[in-house]
Protein backbone atom coordinates (compact mmCIF):
# COMPACT_ATOMS: atom_id res chain seq x y z
CA MET A 1 135.50 5.28 -12.95
CA THR A 2 137.55 7.72 -11.50
CA ALA A 3 137.13 9.30 -8.23
CA ASN A 4 135.68 12.08 -9.32
CA ASN A 5 132.98 10.17 -11.31
CA VAL A 6 132.05 7.99 -7.98
CA ASN A 7 131.74 11.66 -6.02
CA HIS A 8 129.65 13.02 -8.24
CA GLN A 9 127.31 9.98 -9.00
CA ALA A 10 127.22 9.96 -5.17
CA GLU A 11 125.57 13.27 -5.19
CA LEU A 12 123.41 13.06 -7.94
CA ASP A 13 122.13 9.51 -6.13
CA LYS A 14 121.56 11.95 -3.01
CA PHE A 15 120.13 14.55 -4.68
CA LEU A 16 117.51 12.24 -6.48
CA THR A 17 116.42 10.77 -3.33
CA ALA A 18 115.91 14.36 -1.50
CA LEU A 19 113.55 15.09 -4.44
CA GLU A 20 111.47 12.60 -3.52
CA HIS A 21 110.63 14.54 -0.09
CA HIS A 22 110.63 17.99 -1.56
CA LYS A 23 108.81 20.63 0.27
CA ILE A 24 106.69 21.31 -2.60
CA PHE A 25 104.51 18.25 -1.93
CA GLN A 26 103.46 19.87 1.24
CA ASN A 27 102.40 23.13 -0.04
CA LYS A 28 99.61 25.03 1.32
CA TYR A 29 97.38 24.91 -1.80
CA PHE A 30 97.61 21.04 -1.88
CA LEU A 31 97.01 20.97 2.07
CA TYR A 32 93.97 23.26 1.45
CA LEU A 33 92.66 20.90 -1.09
CA ALA A 34 92.13 18.27 1.29
CA LYS A 35 90.23 19.91 3.77
CA ASN A 36 87.95 22.72 2.03
CA LYS A 37 85.57 22.27 -0.82
CA TRP A 38 86.20 24.73 -4.11
CA THR A 39 83.58 27.52 -4.73
CA PRO A 40 82.39 28.27 -8.09
CA GLU A 41 85.28 30.98 -8.19
CA SER A 42 87.85 29.09 -6.41
CA TYR A 43 87.30 26.37 -8.69
CA ALA A 44 87.38 28.61 -12.07
CA LEU A 45 90.61 30.00 -10.81
CA PHE A 46 91.77 26.42 -10.62
CA ARG A 47 90.93 25.40 -13.75
CA ALA A 48 92.23 28.49 -16.00
CA ASN A 49 95.61 28.46 -14.31
CA PHE A 50 96.04 24.45 -14.09
CA PHE A 51 95.12 24.06 -17.98
CA TYR A 52 97.41 27.02 -18.76
CA ARG A 53 100.36 25.31 -16.86
CA THR A 54 99.57 21.96 -18.13
CA GLU A 55 99.42 22.76 -21.83
CA LEU A 56 102.95 23.30 -21.76
CA THR A 57 104.25 19.84 -20.13
CA VAL A 58 102.95 18.55 -23.98
CA LYS A 59 105.40 20.91 -25.74
CA GLY A 60 108.24 20.65 -22.76
CA ILE A 61 108.04 16.96 -23.63
CA ALA A 62 108.47 17.36 -27.29
CA HIS A 63 111.52 19.81 -26.67
CA VAL A 64 113.20 17.26 -25.09
CA CYS A 65 112.62 14.79 -27.85
CA ALA A 66 113.97 17.42 -30.53
CA ARG A 67 117.19 18.22 -28.69
CA SER A 68 117.62 14.60 -27.49
CA ALA A 69 117.50 13.52 -31.54
CA GLU A 70 119.75 16.78 -31.78
CA VAL A 71 122.50 15.09 -30.03
CA ASN A 72 122.42 11.63 -30.61
CA ASP A 73 120.82 10.65 -27.24
CA MET A 74 119.17 7.93 -28.50
CA ASP A 75 118.18 6.46 -24.59
CA THR A 76 116.73 9.74 -24.02
CA LEU A 77 114.80 10.28 -27.16
CA ILE A 78 113.50 6.47 -26.90
CA LEU A 79 112.23 7.17 -23.46
CA PHE A 80 110.39 10.46 -23.97
CA SER A 81 108.95 9.74 -27.31
CA TYR A 82 106.99 7.04 -25.52
CA ILE A 83 106.13 9.82 -22.92
CA LEU A 84 105.39 12.10 -25.61
CA GLY A 85 103.10 9.44 -27.43
CA GLU A 86 100.81 8.31 -24.28
CA GLU A 87 100.39 12.09 -23.48
CA THR A 88 99.17 12.43 -27.16
CA GLY A 89 97.18 9.51 -26.93
CA MET A 90 99.33 6.80 -28.89
CA GLY A 91 97.77 8.33 -31.88
CA ASN A 92 93.69 8.25 -30.89
CA LYS A 93 93.49 12.17 -30.63
CA ALA A 94 90.36 11.09 -28.41
CA HIS A 95 92.61 9.71 -26.19
CA CYS A 96 94.92 12.78 -25.69
CA HIS A 97 95.49 13.63 -22.41
CA GLU A 98 95.05 17.28 -23.14
CA ILE A 99 91.69 16.43 -24.02
CA PHE A 100 90.94 14.31 -21.12
CA MET A 101 91.77 17.03 -18.96
CA GLU A 102 89.68 19.53 -20.78
CA ASN A 103 86.49 17.32 -20.91
CA ALA A 104 86.71 16.47 -17.60
CA LEU A 105 87.58 19.40 -15.77
CA ASN A 106 84.63 21.59 -18.03
CA LEU A 107 82.14 18.79 -17.07
CA PHE A 108 82.59 18.60 -13.86
CA GLY A 109 82.68 22.62 -13.77
CA ALA A 110 79.67 23.14 -15.50
CA MET A 111 77.34 20.22 -12.96
CA GLU A 112 78.62 21.42 -9.92
CA PHE A 113 79.12 25.18 -10.43
CA ASP A 114 76.92 25.86 -13.90
CA LEU A 115 80.54 27.33 -15.41
CA ALA A 116 80.89 27.88 -18.89
CA PRO A 117 83.40 25.54 -20.38
CA LEU A 118 87.00 26.77 -21.15
CA LYS A 119 89.38 25.54 -24.14
CA VAL A 120 93.03 24.98 -22.64
CA VAL A 121 94.06 26.97 -25.54
CA ASP A 122 91.72 30.05 -24.42
CA ALA A 123 92.98 29.58 -20.69
CA LYS A 124 95.65 32.26 -21.44
CA ASN A 125 93.25 35.06 -21.75
CA SER A 126 91.24 34.04 -18.77
CA ARG A 127 91.03 37.01 -15.78
CA TYR A 128 91.87 33.92 -13.34
CA ILE A 129 95.23 33.67 -14.67
CA LEU A 130 97.71 35.15 -12.11
CA PRO A 131 101.07 36.69 -12.56
CA GLU A 132 103.07 33.64 -10.58
CA THR A 133 101.59 31.10 -13.31
CA LEU A 134 102.75 33.68 -16.27
CA ALA A 135 106.14 33.58 -14.49
CA TYR A 136 106.11 29.59 -14.46
CA ARG A 137 105.59 29.28 -17.87
CA GLU A 138 108.24 32.23 -18.84
CA ARG A 139 110.76 30.12 -16.63
CA VAL A 140 110.07 27.18 -17.19
CA THR A 141 110.46 27.64 -20.95
CA SER A 142 113.70 29.52 -20.52
CA LEU A 143 115.48 26.64 -18.14
CA LEU A 144 114.06 23.89 -21.23
CA SER A 145 116.14 26.27 -23.81
CA ASN A 146 119.24 26.20 -21.86
CA SER A 147 122.07 23.90 -21.65
CA TYR A 148 120.93 19.81 -22.38
CA GLN A 149 121.49 18.51 -18.69
CA ARG A 150 119.38 21.80 -17.48
CA MET A 151 116.66 20.69 -19.80
CA LEU A 152 116.86 17.11 -18.17
CA GLY A 153 116.97 18.25 -14.92
CA VAL A 154 113.49 20.06 -15.52
CA ALA A 155 112.04 17.57 -17.44
CA MET A 156 113.09 15.23 -14.63
CA ALA A 157 111.46 17.38 -11.55
CA LEU A 158 108.38 17.79 -13.74
CA GLU A 159 107.52 14.46 -13.95
CA THR A 160 108.55 13.69 -9.92
CA HIS A 161 106.12 16.68 -9.36
CA ALA A 162 103.32 15.24 -11.43
CA ASP A 163 102.31 12.28 -9.14
CA HIS A 164 102.06 14.24 -6.02
CA MET A 165 100.47 17.11 -8.26
CA LEU A 166 97.20 14.94 -9.54
CA THR A 167 96.96 12.89 -6.54
CA ALA A 168 96.51 16.17 -4.58
CA PHE A 169 93.93 17.40 -6.88
CA ARG A 170 92.09 14.10 -7.28
CA GLU A 171 91.33 14.73 -3.59
CA GLY A 172 90.03 18.25 -3.86
CA PHE A 173 87.67 16.51 -6.54
CA ARG A 174 86.27 13.89 -4.57
CA LEU A 175 85.85 16.46 -1.86
CA THR A 176 83.99 18.94 -3.77
CA ARG A 177 81.69 16.50 -5.62
CA GLN A 178 77.82 17.01 -4.82
CA ASN A 179 75.66 16.96 -7.98
CA LEU A 180 77.82 14.29 -10.14
CA ASP A 181 76.57 11.06 -9.51
CA LYS A 182 79.12 8.66 -8.44
CA GLU A 183 79.59 6.52 -11.72
CA GLN A 184 79.33 9.73 -14.01
CA TYR A 185 82.35 11.36 -11.91
CA GLN A 186 84.21 8.27 -12.26
CA ASN A 187 84.17 7.84 -15.60
CA LYS A 188 83.88 11.25 -17.27
CA VAL A 189 86.15 12.99 -14.44
CA GLU A 190 87.98 11.35 -11.92
CA ILE A 191 89.70 9.23 -14.97
CA TYR A 192 91.97 11.97 -15.94
CA PHE A 193 93.44 11.39 -12.31
CA ASN A 194 93.33 7.85 -12.57
CA ALA A 195 94.98 7.40 -15.76
CA HIS A 196 97.91 8.81 -14.46
CA VAL A 197 98.02 7.66 -10.68
CA ASP A 198 96.31 4.73 -10.51
CA ASN A 199 98.26 2.79 -13.28
CA GLY A 200 101.58 3.89 -12.39
CA VAL A 201 102.12 6.11 -15.57
CA GLU A 202 103.43 9.39 -13.73
CA GLU A 203 106.19 6.91 -11.65
CA ARG A 204 107.09 5.20 -14.49
CA HIS A 205 107.50 8.69 -16.60
CA ALA A 206 109.33 10.16 -13.21
CA GLU A 207 111.86 7.13 -13.20
CA ASP A 208 112.21 7.20 -16.85
CA ALA A 209 113.22 11.17 -16.66
CA ARG A 210 115.86 10.50 -13.50
CA GLN A 211 117.49 7.50 -15.82
CA CYS A 212 117.84 9.94 -18.45
CA VAL A 213 119.55 12.04 -15.89
CA ILE A 214 121.68 9.72 -14.52
CA ASN A 215 122.98 8.42 -17.98
CA ASN A 216 123.84 12.47 -18.77
CA CYS A 217 125.69 13.25 -15.69
CA LEU A 218 129.10 12.64 -16.35
CA SER A 219 130.67 15.14 -14.59
CA GLN A 220 130.54 17.63 -11.73
CA SER A 221 129.50 20.54 -14.37
CA ASP A 222 126.78 18.27 -15.68
CA LEU A 223 125.50 17.58 -12.02
CA ASN A 224 125.39 21.44 -11.31
CA GLU A 225 123.37 22.13 -14.09
CA ILE A 226 120.64 19.05 -13.76
CA MET A 227 120.34 20.08 -10.02
CA PHE A 228 120.07 23.93 -11.02
CA GLY A 229 117.13 22.92 -13.71
CA ALA A 230 115.67 20.60 -11.23
CA ASN A 231 115.67 23.23 -8.14
CA GLU A 232 114.65 26.24 -10.46
CA MET A 233 112.11 24.65 -11.83
CA LEU A 234 110.22 23.14 -8.15
CA LYS A 235 110.88 26.62 -6.83
CA VAL A 236 108.94 28.41 -9.56
CA GLN A 237 106.46 25.87 -9.31
CA GLU A 238 105.91 26.07 -5.81
CA GLN A 239 105.76 30.02 -6.03
CA MET A 240 102.82 29.81 -8.16
CA TRP A 241 100.95 26.96 -5.63
CA GLN A 242 101.30 29.62 -2.62
CA ALA A 243 99.91 32.34 -5.30
CA MET A 244 97.12 29.61 -5.87
CA TYR A 245 96.52 29.09 -2.33
CA ARG A 246 96.97 32.87 -1.38
CA LYS A 247 94.17 33.94 -4.30
CA THR A 248 91.84 31.02 -3.27
CA VAL A 249 91.74 31.87 0.11
CA GLN A 250 90.96 35.61 -0.71
CA LEU A 251 88.24 34.56 -3.42
CA GLU A 252 86.69 31.99 -0.47
CA THR A 253 86.85 35.16 2.22
CA GLN A 254 84.86 37.60 0.11
CA ASN A 255 82.55 35.18 -0.92
CA GLU A 256 81.80 34.47 2.99
CA GLY A 257 81.69 38.01 3.49
CA GLU A 258 79.11 38.86 0.88
CA VAL A 259 77.26 35.66 2.29
CA TYR A 260 77.10 37.84 5.53
CA ALA A 261 76.84 41.48 4.16
């Protein structure tokens, strides 16, 4: 290994370590949900934007699979094909994580707030969709379609972020639950989060994505593209969470004003 290779590999190791402690994991929206219950409107806001954001995940993973096959990157193809299989229920549509998500969040919305169900594929038409969520979709799609290393940086950042995100949202559900009995809540709602978080699935996905990045970081140029993709993905995601926080506070402040009017 040349001196240049040693240098950029050391820089990559430093970047990957720092990524585990990125400031996005302490964003105001996550912190707010740990202490404040959703209202009907703030939950509808969360559900629509989370649906539309997360709908892109499987499409992104499928894109990584297609491109890794195209460039004969067998290791990445194998690892991300397995991730894709898990996300889509390993051939069982009923176990597809998107369906778990849709059923869990709709049941919670119905039982806690008397909200009508929302299809994941229809979330884009919701009046609650924020401009920052649209920007997230547009930016991440663009990043995934750029250089191969940039795409891998995005995928790694997405997988690294997922465990923190789902843990934070699970806390929001636990805090807000009032009408659902504990057994129904755990078996029909929290199971969506636990299937990702408690079983170490998202941690393994993140580790697999990091390994794919390491395998494809062979030059300083590769490193620059990886870091750019990861940083840009987290930047646009953080902007979305900050917008969610501001809108949530606005909705709940308006609700308080109406109560005391």
